[in-house]
Amino acid sequence: MSQYISNILELTVDGMRCGGCSGRLQKALDGTEGIQSSNIVLEAKRVTVSFDPVRINAAGIRERIEQTGFSIVD
């Protein structure tokens, strides 16, 4: 029997200015191993990521966002 493990990470991301930006970030996140889903609210600059903590951690998700050209607002 396998067990489903999931964590949720919510971040504010700077640099998203249009639908193309948010689409590029969503594609990058959804294509990353360990990320189960992502939701982006462009107007609020909010990103919510559901992920498997065995396969990726919060630091890895932050790194992926930054590799895509955006910055995290702490």
C-alpha atoms as a PDB file:
ATOM      1  CA  MET A   1       0.000   0.000   0.000  1.00  0.00           C
ATOM      2  CA  SER A   2       1.437   3.397  -0.959  1.00  0.00           C
ATOM      3  CA  GLN A   3       0.878   6.516   1.033  1.00  0.00           C
ATOM      4  CA  TYR A   4       0.206   9.943  -0.513  1.00  0.00           C
ATOM      5  CA  ILE A   5       2.387  12.649   1.006  1.00  0.00           C
ATOM      6  CA  SER A   6       1.899  16.294   0.135  1.00  0.00           C
ATOM      7  CA  ASN A   7       2.978  19.651   1.490  1.00  0.00           C
ATOM      8  CA  ILE A   8       1.765  23.100   0.485  1.00  0.00           C
ATOM      9  CA  LEU A   9       4.036  26.104  -0.008  1.00  0.00           C
ATOM     10  CA  GLU A  10       2.689  29.624  -0.582  1.00  0.00           C
ATOM     11  CA  LEU A  11       5.011  32.363  -1.825  1.00  0.00           C
ATOM     12  CA  THR A  12       4.852  35.915  -3.091  1.00  0.00           C
ATOM     13  CA  VAL A  13       6.814  36.213  -6.329  1.00  0.00           C
ATOM     14  CA  ASP A  14       8.127  39.428  -7.843  1.00  0.00           C
ATOM     15  CA  GLY A  15       8.610  39.929 -11.560  1.00  0.00           C
ATOM     16  CA  MET A  16       5.336  38.510 -12.898  1.00  0.00           C
ATOM     17  CA  ARG A  17       3.798  41.247 -15.007  1.00  0.00           C
ATOM     18  CA  CYS A  18       1.539  39.457 -17.496  1.00  0.00           C
ATOM     19  CA  GLY A  19      -0.173  36.200 -18.348  1.00  0.00           C
ATOM     20  CA  GLY A  20       2.891  35.116 -20.309  1.00  0.00           C
ATOM     21  CA  CYS A  21       5.043  35.482 -17.184  1.00  0.00           C
ATOM     22  CA  SER A  22       2.708  33.478 -14.996  1.00  0.00           C
ATOM     23  CA  GLY A  23       2.291  30.867 -17.746  1.00  0.00           C
ATOM     24  CA  ARG A  24       6.062  30.460 -18.054  1.00  0.00           C
ATOM     25  CA  LEU A  25       6.397  30.011 -14.294  1.00  0.00           C
ATOM     26  CA  GLN A  26       3.509  27.551 -14.111  1.00  0.00           C
ATOM     27  CA  LYS A  27       5.003  25.459 -16.919  1.00  0.00           C
ATOM     28  CA  ALA A  28       8.396  25.418 -15.174  1.00  0.00           C
ATOM     29  CA  LEU A  29       6.899  24.426 -11.831  1.00  0.00           C
ATOM     30  CA  ASP A  30       4.562  21.791 -13.223  1.00  0.00           C
ATOM     31  CA  GLY A  31       7.494  20.238 -15.104  1.00  0.00           C
ATOM     32  CA  THR A  32       9.620  19.926 -11.969  1.00  0.00           C
ATOM     33  CA  GLU A  33       9.977  16.507 -10.370  1.00  0.00           C
ATOM     34  CA  GLY A  34       8.204  16.346  -7.021  1.00  0.00           C
ATOM     35  CA  ILE A  35       5.789  19.197  -7.712  1.00  0.00           C
ATOM     36  CA  GLN A  36       2.279  17.823  -7.875  1.00  0.00           C
ATOM     37  CA  SER A  37       0.469  21.047  -8.820  1.00  0.00           C
ATOM     38  CA  SER A  38       0.853  24.794  -8.811  1.00  0.00           C
ATOM     39  CA  ASN A  39      -1.586  27.675  -8.801  1.00  0.00           C
ATOM     40  CA  ILE A  40      -0.618  31.240  -9.671  1.00  0.00           C
ATOM     41  CA  VAL A  41      -2.664  34.369  -8.966  1.00  0.00           C
ATOM     42  CA  LEU A  42      -1.045  37.025 -11.154  1.00  0.00           C
ATOM     43  CA  GLU A  43      -2.802  40.018  -9.604  1.00  0.00           C
ATOM     44  CA  ALA A  44      -1.688  39.059  -6.087  1.00  0.00           C
ATOM     45  CA  LYS A  45       1.701  37.727  -7.261  1.00  0.00           C
ATOM     46  CA  ARG A  46       0.968  34.596  -5.223  1.00  0.00           C
ATOM     47  CA  VAL A  47       2.137  31.089  -6.022  1.00  0.00           C
ATOM     48  CA  THR A  48       0.787  28.026  -4.234  1.00  0.00           C
ATOM     49  CA  VAL A  49       2.639  24.770  -4.789  1.00  0.00           C
ATOM     50  CA  SER A  50       1.621  21.275  -3.713  1.00  0.00           C
ATOM     51  CA  PHE A  51       4.674  19.043  -3.536  1.00  0.00           C
ATOM     52  CA  ASP A  52       6.021  15.708  -2.365  1.00  0.00           C
ATOM     53  CA  PRO A  53       8.556  16.507   0.400  1.00  0.00           C
ATOM     54  CA  VAL A  54      10.368  13.230  -0.234  1.00  0.00           C
ATOM     55  CA  ARG A  55      11.213  14.339  -3.796  1.00  0.00           C
ATOM     56  CA  ILE A  56      11.659  18.127  -3.447  1.00  0.00           C
ATOM     57  CA  ASN A  57      11.848  20.617  -0.589  1.00  0.00           C
ATOM     58  CA  ALA A  58      10.887  24.276  -0.219  1.00  0.00           C
ATOM     59  CA  ALA A  59      14.437  25.411  -1.041  1.00  0.00           C
ATOM     60  CA  GLY A  60      14.327  23.444  -4.293  1.00  0.00           C
ATOM     61  CA  ILE A  61      11.032  25.085  -5.256  1.00  0.00           C
ATOM     62  CA  ARG A  62      12.395  28.538  -4.470  1.00  0.00           C
ATOM     63  CA  GLU A  63      15.470  27.775  -6.565  1.00  0.00           C
ATOM     64  CA  ARG A  64      13.309  26.661  -9.487  1.00  0.00           C
ATOM     65  CA  ILE A  65      11.306  29.905  -9.330  1.00  0.00           C
ATOM     66  CA  GLU A  66      14.517  31.945  -9.325  1.00  0.00           C
ATOM     67  CA  GLN A  67      15.960  29.898 -12.215  1.00  0.00           C
ATOM     68  CA  THR A  68      12.866  30.858 -14.205  1.00  0.00           C
ATOM     69  CA  GLY A  69      13.730  34.542 -13.725  1.00  0.00           C
ATOM     70  CA  PHE A  70      11.563  35.592 -10.807  1.00  0.00           C
ATOM     71  CA  SER A  71      12.403  36.550  -7.232  1.00  0.00           C
ATOM     72  CA  ILE A  72      10.809  35.542  -3.961  1.00  0.00           C
ATOM     73  CA  VAL A  73       9.464  38.288  -1.686  1.00  0.00           C
ATOM     74  CA  ASP A  74      10.189  37.356   1.932  1.00  0.00           C
END
